[in-house]
Amino acid sequence: MGAMLTELETIIADRKANPREDSYTNKLFNKGVNKIAQKVGEEATEVIVAALGQGHDEQVAELADLFYHTLVLMAQLNIPLAEVEAELRRRHQSR
């Protein structure tokens, strides 16, 4: 899973550096941090709905959407995945 997130992070960073007109990622970047953060919130709500009343496939799809939109938000905020991983590692080691 980590390798796929890193690959997706790279693709998102490329879209940010080299915009493509037909890219959904670029449409999000063009709308700015408020819209991207809103999408993360919407996707989080959809994960909750799926967890409480939908099947496994829908749950997986909604979680994938949440991961993707979170990575877009992180790119917008210039927060690399490695920094979040380091924070998780720090938290784990302090227990």
Protein backbone atom coordinates (compact mmCIF):
# COMPACT_ATOMS: atom_id res chain seq x y z
CA MET A 1 0.00 0.00 0.00
CA GLY A 2 2.76 2.44 0.91
CA ALA A 3 4.35 2.12 -2.52
CA MET A 4 1.06 2.94 -4.23
CA LEU A 5 0.56 6.00 -2.03
CA THR A 6 4.09 7.15 -2.86
CA GLU A 7 3.42 6.61 -6.57
CA LEU A 8 0.16 8.53 -6.35
CA GLU A 9 1.92 11.32 -4.43
CA THR A 10 4.43 11.55 -7.30
CA ILE A 11 1.67 11.71 -9.91
CA ILE A 12 -0.14 14.43 -7.96
CA ALA A 13 3.09 16.45 -7.58
CA ASP A 14 3.66 16.14 -11.32
CA ARG A 15 0.16 17.46 -12.04
CA LYS A 16 0.87 20.40 -9.72
CA ALA A 17 4.18 21.16 -11.45
CA ASN A 18 3.00 20.34 -14.98
CA PRO A 19 -0.73 21.09 -15.19
CA ARG A 20 -2.84 19.22 -17.71
CA GLU A 21 -6.12 20.69 -18.85
CA ASP A 22 -7.98 17.38 -18.74
CA SER A 23 -6.74 16.47 -15.23
CA TYR A 24 -9.22 16.21 -12.35
CA THR A 25 -6.29 16.80 -10.00
CA ASN A 26 -5.53 20.09 -11.72
CA LYS A 27 -9.17 21.12 -11.51
CA LEU A 28 -8.90 20.65 -7.75
CA PHE A 29 -5.64 22.62 -7.55
CA ASN A 30 -7.21 25.43 -9.57
CA LYS A 31 -10.10 25.68 -7.11
CA GLY A 32 -7.72 26.13 -4.19
CA VAL A 33 -7.25 24.85 -0.69
CA ASN A 34 -10.80 25.59 0.47
CA LYS A 35 -12.36 23.37 -2.21
CA ILE A 36 -9.77 20.63 -1.71
CA ALA A 37 -10.35 20.63 2.05
CA GLN A 38 -14.11 20.53 1.42
CA LYS A 39 -13.64 17.47 -0.83
CA VAL A 40 -11.65 15.72 1.93
CA GLY A 41 -14.53 16.39 4.32
CA GLU A 42 -17.09 15.10 1.82
CA GLU A 43 -15.06 11.96 1.21
CA ALA A 44 -14.65 11.37 4.95
CA THR A 45 -18.43 11.57 5.32
CA GLU A 46 -18.85 9.10 2.45
CA VAL A 47 -16.43 6.71 4.21
CA ILE A 48 -18.58 6.90 7.34
CA VAL A 49 -21.77 6.24 5.38
CA ALA A 50 -20.13 3.29 3.59
CA ALA A 51 -18.78 1.87 6.84
CA LEU A 52 -22.19 1.97 8.47
CA GLY A 53 -24.36 0.67 5.69
CA GLN A 54 -22.68 -0.36 2.48
CA GLY A 55 -20.78 -3.39 1.26
CA HIS A 56 -17.09 -4.06 1.25
CA ASP A 57 -16.50 -2.89 -2.34
CA GLU A 58 -18.17 0.47 -1.67
CA GLN A 59 -16.18 0.85 1.56
CA VAL A 60 -12.91 0.22 -0.28
CA ALA A 61 -13.85 2.66 -3.07
CA GLU A 62 -14.74 5.41 -0.61
CA LEU A 63 -11.54 4.87 1.37
CA ALA A 64 -9.55 5.11 -1.87
CA ASP A 65 -11.31 8.42 -2.66
CA LEU A 66 -10.45 9.73 0.81
CA PHE A 67 -6.78 8.73 0.47
CA TYR A 68 -6.55 10.39 -2.96
CA HIS A 69 -8.17 13.67 -1.89
CA THR A 70 -6.05 13.73 1.27
CA LEU A 71 -2.90 13.40 -0.86
CA VAL A 72 -4.10 16.27 -3.07
CA LEU A 73 -4.65 18.41 0.04
CA MET A 74 -1.21 17.48 1.33
CA ALA A 75 0.33 18.52 -1.99
CA GLN A 76 -1.55 21.82 -1.88
CA LEU A 77 -0.19 22.40 1.64
CA ASN A 78 3.33 21.25 0.65
CA ILE A 79 3.26 18.42 3.19
CA PRO A 80 5.06 15.33 1.88
CA LEU A 81 3.82 11.85 2.72
CA ALA A 82 7.21 11.15 4.31
CA GLU A 83 6.53 13.86 6.89
CA VAL A 84 3.23 12.26 7.90
CA GLU A 85 4.91 8.84 8.01
CA ALA A 86 7.62 10.28 10.27
CA GLU A 87 4.97 11.67 12.62
CA LEU A 88 3.23 8.29 12.76
CA ARG A 89 6.57 6.61 13.46
CA ARG A 90 7.33 9.14 16.21
CA ARG A 91 3.96 8.47 17.83
CA HIS A 92 4.47 4.72 17.67
CA GLN A 93 7.95 4.92 19.19
CA SER A 94 6.80 7.08 22.09
CA ARG A 95 4.40 4.40 23.34
